[in-house]
Amino acid sequence: MSRAVDWAALMQAGFRGLGLRPVEFWALTPAELELMLGRPSASLPLVRTRLDELLRDFPDNEGGAKDG
């Protein structure tokens, strides 16, 4: 699910709220900006149980086929 990005609000928060220069703002990743703004991350880190679920649901091909 994608969400619209309110660039005007993010730039205002970065420039006015955090005092970033444009070059500093645009060099940040979305995760870094969210962290600096005190917002929770949009995605959780991958934990072992979730990795196990993904491995079960999407096993590697053993027949020698190349992915991608």
Protein backbone atom coordinates (compact mmCIF):
# COMPACT_ATOMS: atom_id res chain seq x y z
CA MET A 1 0.00 0.00 0.00
CA SER A 2 1.49 3.34 -0.98
CA ARG A 3 0.79 6.64 0.64
CA ALA A 4 1.02 10.11 -0.84
CA VAL A 5 4.03 12.14 0.21
CA ASP A 6 3.34 15.66 1.48
CA TRP A 7 6.60 17.17 0.21
CA ALA A 8 5.68 20.71 1.29
CA ALA A 9 5.18 19.60 4.90
CA LEU A 10 8.35 17.47 4.87
CA MET A 11 10.45 20.30 3.45
CA GLN A 12 9.02 22.75 5.96
CA ALA A 13 9.80 20.34 8.80
CA GLY A 14 13.31 19.77 7.46
CA PHE A 15 14.21 23.36 6.62
CA ARG A 16 12.37 25.27 9.34
CA GLY A 17 11.96 22.66 12.05
CA LEU A 18 15.32 20.90 11.82
CA GLY A 19 17.31 23.76 10.30
CA LEU A 20 18.60 21.62 7.43
CA ARG A 21 20.07 23.12 4.30
CA PRO A 22 18.54 21.84 1.04
CA VAL A 23 21.61 19.72 0.23
CA GLU A 24 21.36 18.08 3.67
CA PHE A 25 17.61 17.51 3.35
CA TRP A 26 17.83 15.85 -0.08
CA ALA A 27 20.77 13.67 1.00
CA LEU A 28 18.65 12.01 3.72
CA THR A 29 16.84 8.74 3.21
CA PRO A 30 13.14 8.71 4.13
CA ALA A 31 13.99 6.53 7.15
CA GLU A 32 16.61 9.02 8.36
CA LEU A 33 14.19 11.93 7.98
CA GLU A 34 11.46 10.08 9.87
CA LEU A 35 13.92 9.28 12.65
CA MET A 36 15.00 12.92 12.90
CA LEU A 37 11.37 14.03 13.02
CA GLY A 38 10.61 11.54 15.78
CA ARG A 39 8.17 9.53 13.67
CA PRO A 40 7.97 5.76 13.96
CA SER A 41 9.42 3.85 11.05
CA ALA A 42 6.97 2.81 8.34
CA SER A 43 8.34 -0.72 8.28
CA LEU A 44 9.58 -3.01 10.99
CA PRO A 45 12.96 -4.72 10.85
CA LEU A 46 13.05 -8.27 9.56
CA VAL A 47 13.08 -10.69 12.50
CA ARG A 48 13.94 -14.38 12.38
CA THR A 49 10.34 -15.58 12.59
CA ARG A 50 9.35 -13.44 9.60
CA LEU A 51 12.38 -14.66 7.65
CA ASP A 52 11.35 -18.25 8.38
CA GLU A 53 7.84 -17.48 7.11
CA LEU A 54 9.22 -16.02 3.90
CA LEU A 55 11.53 -18.99 3.38
CA ARG A 56 8.61 -21.36 3.84
CA ASP A 57 6.31 -19.40 1.50
CA PHE A 58 8.97 -18.70 -1.16
CA PRO A 59 11.46 -21.58 -1.19
CA ASP A 60 14.57 -21.40 -3.37
CA ASN A 61 14.40 -23.33 -6.62
CA GLU A 62 16.46 -26.48 -6.38
CA GLY A 63 16.28 -27.29 -10.09
CA GLY A 64 19.07 -24.93 -11.05
CA ALA A 65 16.81 -22.23 -12.51
CA LYS A 66 18.17 -18.72 -12.16
CA ASP A 67 16.03 -16.12 -10.42
CA GLY A 68 15.57 -12.71 -11.90
